Amino acid sequence: MEEYRLIEKSIIKKYRKEIWHPFVKAIDEYQMIKENDKIAVCISGGKDSILLAKCMQELQRHGRIHFDLEFIVMDPGYNKENRQLIEDNCKLLNIPITIFETDIFNSVYNIENNPCYLCARMRRGNLYSKAKELGCNKIALGHHFDDVIETILMSLLYSGEFKTMMPKLHSTNFENMELIRPLYLVREKDIISFKNYNHLTFLNCACRFTEDASKKEGYSKRQEIKELIRELKKVNPYVEYNIFRSVENVNLNTLISYKKDNNATNFLDNYEK
């Protein structure tokens, strides 16, 4: 049996409980895929996006809903070795990719304030544009459960906001386009286990900013949050799931104020009533 077939089998068999079931559950629970969707699976070269690509292939092959896939790789300015690793992995795993080039790394490298935020926005915009060019109505990104809970805490502790990374959302700049996150309920530790079990090597981080100590703030904040969650888990083993559930169990009666779209509501607005 070819190697990619064995890897596909491991998703369905060995990692059925840890990866396949939560992957399918997220798609069903958050209604991510509809009949005749055409979805651009965005591959960065890391473990998450490539696992996503394989899961989407398996779902297309065995699922009840008909949908089409495109696998797109945006090269924002990778060095030669990193780009080659992506191409080699996709060939090994039988993922037919479309590569397109941008100059994003060079464009944002000298930005002092929030270069990671700007880079992410530019990458997202380019992915939407390419997906639309290919006739897609959705893009799929490889964010997982741990990304979600880390985002909740980062927003709370560093931005003074209570918000999360949504499982799907409409694009505000590209009409009739949506973003979906099918690995939303998959744990990072299980993705790492899958990678190691299959002896795969992916890009860890090809971003130039993480190589530059003067520009590591956004990256290091996420690492701090990972460590904080690890410490909290020593005291409460359910802390990760409680963080996740907190955005499903918001009690508006106990909030001083909240916003929806551009409208703010304060508890005093209806206090006397």
Protein backbone atom coordinates (compact mmCIF):
# COMPACT_ATOMS: atom_id res chain seq x y z
CA MET A 1 0.00 0.00 0.00
CA GLU A 2 1.30 3.48 -0.88
CA GLU A 3 2.44 5.63 2.04
CA TYR A 4 -0.25 8.26 1.63
CA ARG A 5 -2.89 5.52 1.80
CA LEU A 6 -1.48 4.32 5.12
CA ILE A 7 -1.55 7.89 6.44
CA GLU A 8 -5.17 8.30 5.32
CA LYS A 9 -6.03 5.02 7.02
CA SER A 10 -4.49 6.24 10.28
CA ILE A 11 -6.87 9.22 10.33
CA ILE A 12 -9.93 6.99 9.97
CA LYS A 13 -8.72 4.08 12.12
CA LYS A 14 -6.07 4.87 14.72
CA TYR A 15 -7.08 8.51 15.23
CA ARG A 16 -10.79 8.03 14.71
CA LYS A 17 -11.68 9.19 18.23
CA GLU A 18 -9.05 11.92 18.55
CA ILE A 19 -9.15 13.48 15.07
CA TRP A 20 -11.83 12.12 12.74
CA HIS A 21 -14.80 12.27 15.11
CA PRO A 22 -14.17 15.84 16.36
CA PHE A 23 -13.45 16.94 12.79
CA VAL A 24 -16.79 15.59 11.56
CA LYS A 25 -18.60 16.82 14.68
CA ALA A 26 -17.41 20.41 14.13
CA ILE A 27 -18.51 20.37 10.49
CA ASP A 28 -21.95 19.02 11.43
CA GLU A 29 -22.48 21.05 14.60
CA TYR A 30 -21.52 24.38 13.05
CA GLN A 31 -23.00 23.58 9.61
CA MET A 32 -19.76 24.36 7.80
CA ILE A 33 -20.38 22.56 4.50
CA LYS A 34 -23.42 22.64 2.24
CA GLU A 35 -24.30 20.73 -0.90
CA ASN A 36 -22.25 21.81 -3.95
CA ASP A 37 -19.87 24.04 -1.99
CA LYS A 38 -16.49 24.60 -3.56
CA ILE A 39 -13.94 24.97 -0.79
CA ALA A 40 -10.39 26.24 -0.98
CA VAL A 41 -8.30 24.44 1.64
CA CYS A 42 -5.50 26.83 2.55
CA ILE A 43 -2.17 25.10 3.16
CA SER A 44 0.61 26.93 4.97
CA GLY A 45 2.90 23.92 5.21
CA GLY A 46 2.41 23.34 8.92
CA LYS A 47 0.99 20.24 10.59
CA ASP A 48 -2.49 21.70 11.07
CA SER A 49 -3.25 22.81 7.52
CA ILE A 50 -1.89 19.64 5.94
CA LEU A 51 -3.88 17.42 8.30
CA LEU A 52 -6.91 19.55 7.40
CA ALA A 53 -6.29 18.87 3.71
CA LYS A 54 -6.20 15.11 4.30
CA CYS A 55 -9.34 15.19 6.45
CA MET A 56 -11.18 17.18 3.79
CA GLN A 57 -10.14 14.66 1.14
CA GLU A 58 -11.46 11.82 3.30
CA LEU A 59 -14.73 13.64 3.96
CA GLN A 60 -15.19 14.33 0.25
CA ARG A 61 -14.58 10.66 -0.47
CA HIS A 62 -16.79 9.19 2.26
CA GLY A 63 -19.22 11.95 3.30
CA ARG A 64 -22.92 12.31 2.50
CA ILE A 65 -22.67 15.84 1.05
CA HIS A 66 -21.24 16.57 -2.38
CA PHE A 67 -18.66 19.34 -2.45
CA ASP A 68 -15.55 20.22 -4.44
CA LEU A 69 -12.07 21.08 -3.21
CA GLU A 70 -9.14 23.20 -4.26
CA PHE A 71 -5.88 23.07 -2.31
CA ILE A 72 -4.09 26.41 -2.40
CA VAL A 73 -0.64 27.32 -1.12
CA MET A 74 0.23 30.98 -0.85
CA ASP A 75 3.98 31.64 -0.86
CA PRO A 76 4.37 34.92 1.08
CA GLY A 77 8.12 34.86 0.61
CA TYR A 78 9.31 31.50 1.97
CA ASN A 79 12.96 30.63 1.61
CA LYS A 80 13.77 27.93 -0.94
CA GLU A 81 14.06 25.11 1.61
CA ASN A 82 10.69 25.84 3.25
CA ARG A 83 8.87 26.03 -0.05
CA GLN A 84 10.44 22.76 -1.18
CA LEU A 85 9.35 21.06 2.05
CA ILE A 86 5.76 22.09 1.41
CA GLU A 87 5.88 20.80 -2.16
CA ASP A 88 7.51 17.52 -1.11
CA ASN A 89 4.98 16.89 1.67
CA CYS A 90 2.01 17.56 -0.59
CA LYS A 91 3.43 15.23 -3.21
CA LEU A 92 4.03 12.53 -0.59
CA LEU A 93 0.51 12.92 0.77
CA ASN A 94 -1.19 13.06 -2.64
CA ILE A 95 -2.52 16.61 -2.18
CA PRO A 96 -2.83 18.37 -5.57
CA ILE A 97 -1.85 21.94 -4.75
CA THR A 98 -2.07 25.24 -6.58
CA ILE A 99 0.78 27.55 -5.54
CA PHE A 100 0.69 31.30 -5.99
CA GLU A 101 3.25 33.86 -4.91
CA THR A 102 2.99 37.13 -3.00
CA ASP A 103 5.50 39.53 -1.46
CA ILE A 104 3.86 39.82 1.94
CA PHE A 105 6.92 39.06 4.09
CA ASN A 106 8.88 41.86 2.44
CA SER A 107 5.92 44.22 2.59
CA VAL A 108 5.43 43.98 6.36
CA TYR A 109 8.94 43.22 7.62
CA ASN A 110 9.79 46.82 8.49
CA ILE A 111 6.43 47.52 10.14
CA GLU A 112 7.03 48.19 13.85
CA ASN A 113 3.46 48.14 15.18
CA ASN A 114 1.45 44.90 14.89
CA PRO A 115 3.31 43.35 11.93
CA CYS A 116 1.72 39.96 12.70
CA TYR A 117 -1.79 41.44 12.56
CA LEU A 118 -1.06 43.16 9.26
CA CYS A 119 0.57 40.05 7.83
CA ALA A 120 -2.42 37.91 8.81
CA ARG A 121 -4.86 40.33 7.19
CA MET A 122 -2.84 40.48 3.98
CA ARG A 123 -2.53 36.71 3.83
CA ARG A 124 -6.25 36.28 4.42
CA GLY A 125 -7.09 38.78 1.68
CA ASN A 126 -4.82 37.05 -0.81
CA LEU A 127 -6.29 33.65 0.04
CA TYR A 128 -9.83 34.92 -0.46
CA SER A 129 -8.85 36.49 -3.81
CA LYS A 130 -7.25 33.29 -5.09
CA ALA A 131 -10.13 31.16 -3.85
CA LYS A 132 -12.65 33.39 -5.61
CA GLU A 133 -10.54 33.29 -8.78
CA LEU A 134 -10.78 29.48 -8.65
CA GLY A 135 -14.57 29.61 -8.30
CA CYS A 136 -14.70 28.76 -4.59
CA ASN A 137 -17.30 30.10 -2.16
CA LYS A 138 -15.43 29.14 1.02
CA ILE A 139 -11.91 28.97 2.39
CA ALA A 140 -10.93 26.45 5.08
CA LEU A 141 -8.20 27.22 7.61
CA GLY A 142 -6.42 24.83 9.98
CA HIS A 143 -7.09 26.49 13.35
CA HIS A 144 -7.73 23.92 16.08
CA PHE A 145 -9.26 23.75 19.59
CA ASP A 146 -6.12 25.03 21.33
CA ASP A 147 -5.97 28.05 19.00
CA VAL A 148 -9.54 28.83 20.05
CA ILE A 149 -9.02 28.74 23.81
CA GLU A 150 -5.71 30.59 23.55
CA THR A 151 -7.45 33.33 21.57
CA ILE A 152 -10.12 33.65 24.27
CA LEU A 153 -7.50 34.18 26.98
CA MET A 154 -5.31 36.46 24.86
CA SER A 155 -8.29 38.71 24.13
CA LEU A 156 -9.27 38.76 27.80
CA LEU A 157 -5.82 39.34 29.28
CA TYR A 158 -4.12 41.49 26.65
CA SER A 159 -6.97 43.28 24.83
CA GLY A 160 -9.56 43.67 27.56
CA GLU A 161 -12.21 42.00 25.40
CA PHE A 162 -14.22 38.81 25.76
CA LYS A 163 -14.36 37.18 22.35
CA THR A 164 -13.36 34.02 20.55
CA MET A 165 -12.21 32.67 17.21
CA MET A 166 -15.44 31.73 15.42
CA PRO A 167 -15.93 28.32 13.73
CA LYS A 168 -17.15 30.08 10.60
CA LEU A 169 -17.82 33.62 9.44
CA HIS A 170 -18.85 35.61 6.41
CA SER A 171 -16.18 37.66 4.69
CA THR A 172 -16.73 41.39 5.03
CA ASN A 173 -14.64 42.24 1.95
CA PHE A 174 -15.41 39.38 -0.44
CA GLU A 175 -19.07 39.01 -1.33
CA ASN A 176 -20.61 35.54 -0.91
CA MET A 177 -17.40 34.14 0.59
CA GLU A 178 -17.13 32.35 3.93
CA LEU A 179 -14.31 31.14 6.15
CA ILE A 180 -14.60 27.79 7.95
CA ARG A 181 -12.40 26.09 10.55
CA PRO A 182 -13.09 22.33 10.37
CA LEU A 183 -10.42 21.38 12.97
CA TYR A 184 -12.21 23.58 15.53
CA LEU A 185 -12.71 20.72 18.02
CA VAL A 186 -9.45 18.83 17.37
CA ARG A 187 -6.78 19.04 20.06
CA GLU A 188 -3.25 20.11 19.11
CA LYS A 189 -1.68 17.26 21.08
CA ASP A 190 -3.53 14.78 18.87
CA ILE A 191 -2.34 16.51 15.71
CA ILE A 192 1.23 16.25 17.01
CA SER A 193 0.67 12.57 17.84
CA PHE A 194 -0.63 11.95 14.30
CA LYS A 195 2.41 13.69 12.82
CA ASN A 196 4.85 11.67 14.94
CA TYR A 197 3.05 8.36 14.37
CA ASN A 198 3.36 8.81 10.61
CA HIS A 199 6.96 10.10 10.82
CA LEU A 200 6.09 13.36 9.08
CA THR A 201 8.06 16.61 9.18
CA PHE A 202 6.25 19.89 8.55
CA LEU A 203 7.11 23.56 8.71
CA ASN A 204 7.11 24.74 12.31
CA CYS A 205 7.08 28.44 11.60
CA ALA A 206 8.49 30.02 8.45
CA CYS A 207 7.75 33.57 9.54
CA ARG A 208 10.70 35.95 9.60
CA PHE A 209 9.39 37.81 12.63
CA THR A 210 9.85 34.84 14.94
CA GLU A 211 13.51 34.81 13.95
CA ASP A 212 13.88 38.47 14.95
CA ALA A 213 13.95 38.94 18.74
CA SER A 214 12.85 42.57 18.41
CA LYS A 215 9.57 41.51 16.74
CA LYS A 216 8.55 38.46 18.75
CA GLU A 217 5.91 40.09 20.96
CA GLY A 218 2.80 38.64 19.30
CA TYR A 219 4.41 35.23 19.02
CA SER A 220 5.69 35.22 22.62
CA LYS A 221 2.27 36.28 23.99
CA ARG A 222 0.72 33.14 22.55
CA GLN A 223 3.54 31.08 24.07
CA GLU A 224 2.84 32.74 27.42
CA ILE A 225 -0.82 31.80 27.15
CA LYS A 226 0.09 28.18 26.31
CA GLU A 227 2.22 28.04 29.45
CA LEU A 228 -0.51 29.67 31.55
CA ILE A 229 -3.02 27.04 30.43
CA ARG A 230 -0.53 24.27 31.23
CA GLU A 231 -0.12 25.67 34.76
CA LEU A 232 -3.87 26.07 35.30
CA LYS A 233 -4.42 22.50 34.14
CA LYS A 234 -2.22 21.24 36.99
CA VAL A 235 -4.83 22.60 39.40
CA ASN A 236 -7.94 21.94 37.31
CA PRO A 237 -7.70 19.21 34.64
CA TYR A 238 -10.90 20.51 32.99
CA VAL A 239 -9.70 24.08 32.58
CA GLU A 240 -9.25 23.88 28.80
CA TYR A 241 -12.82 22.73 28.21
CA ASN A 242 -14.14 25.27 30.73
CA ILE A 243 -12.42 28.07 28.81
CA PHE A 244 -14.08 26.82 25.63
CA ARG A 245 -17.49 26.45 27.27
CA SER A 246 -17.30 29.99 28.63
CA VAL A 247 -18.09 31.39 25.18
CA GLU A 248 -21.05 29.03 24.85
CA ASN A 249 -22.54 29.96 28.23
CA VAL A 250 -22.46 33.76 28.29
CA ASN A 251 -25.04 35.21 30.68
CA LEU A 252 -25.91 38.67 29.35
CA ASN A 253 -27.71 39.51 32.63
CA THR A 254 -24.37 39.50 34.43
CA LEU A 255 -22.41 41.69 32.00
CA ILE A 256 -21.86 45.40 32.64
CA SER A 257 -21.95 46.06 28.91
CA TYR A 258 -21.70 44.22 25.61
CA LYS A 259 -21.52 45.06 21.92
CA LYS A 260 -23.30 43.62 18.90
CA ASP A 261 -22.15 44.99 15.57
CA ASN A 262 -21.61 48.70 16.37
CA ASN A 263 -24.28 48.94 19.03
CA ALA A 264 -23.31 48.95 22.71
CA THR A 265 -25.69 47.93 25.51
CA ASN A 266 -25.09 48.86 29.17
CA PHE A 267 -26.80 47.13 32.07
CA LEU A 268 -28.01 50.54 33.29
CA ASP A 269 -30.02 51.01 30.07
CA ASN A 270 -32.73 48.67 31.37
CA TYR A 271 -31.84 48.52 35.06
CA GLU A 272 -34.93 50.36 36.35
CA LYS A 273 -37.23 48.26 34.17
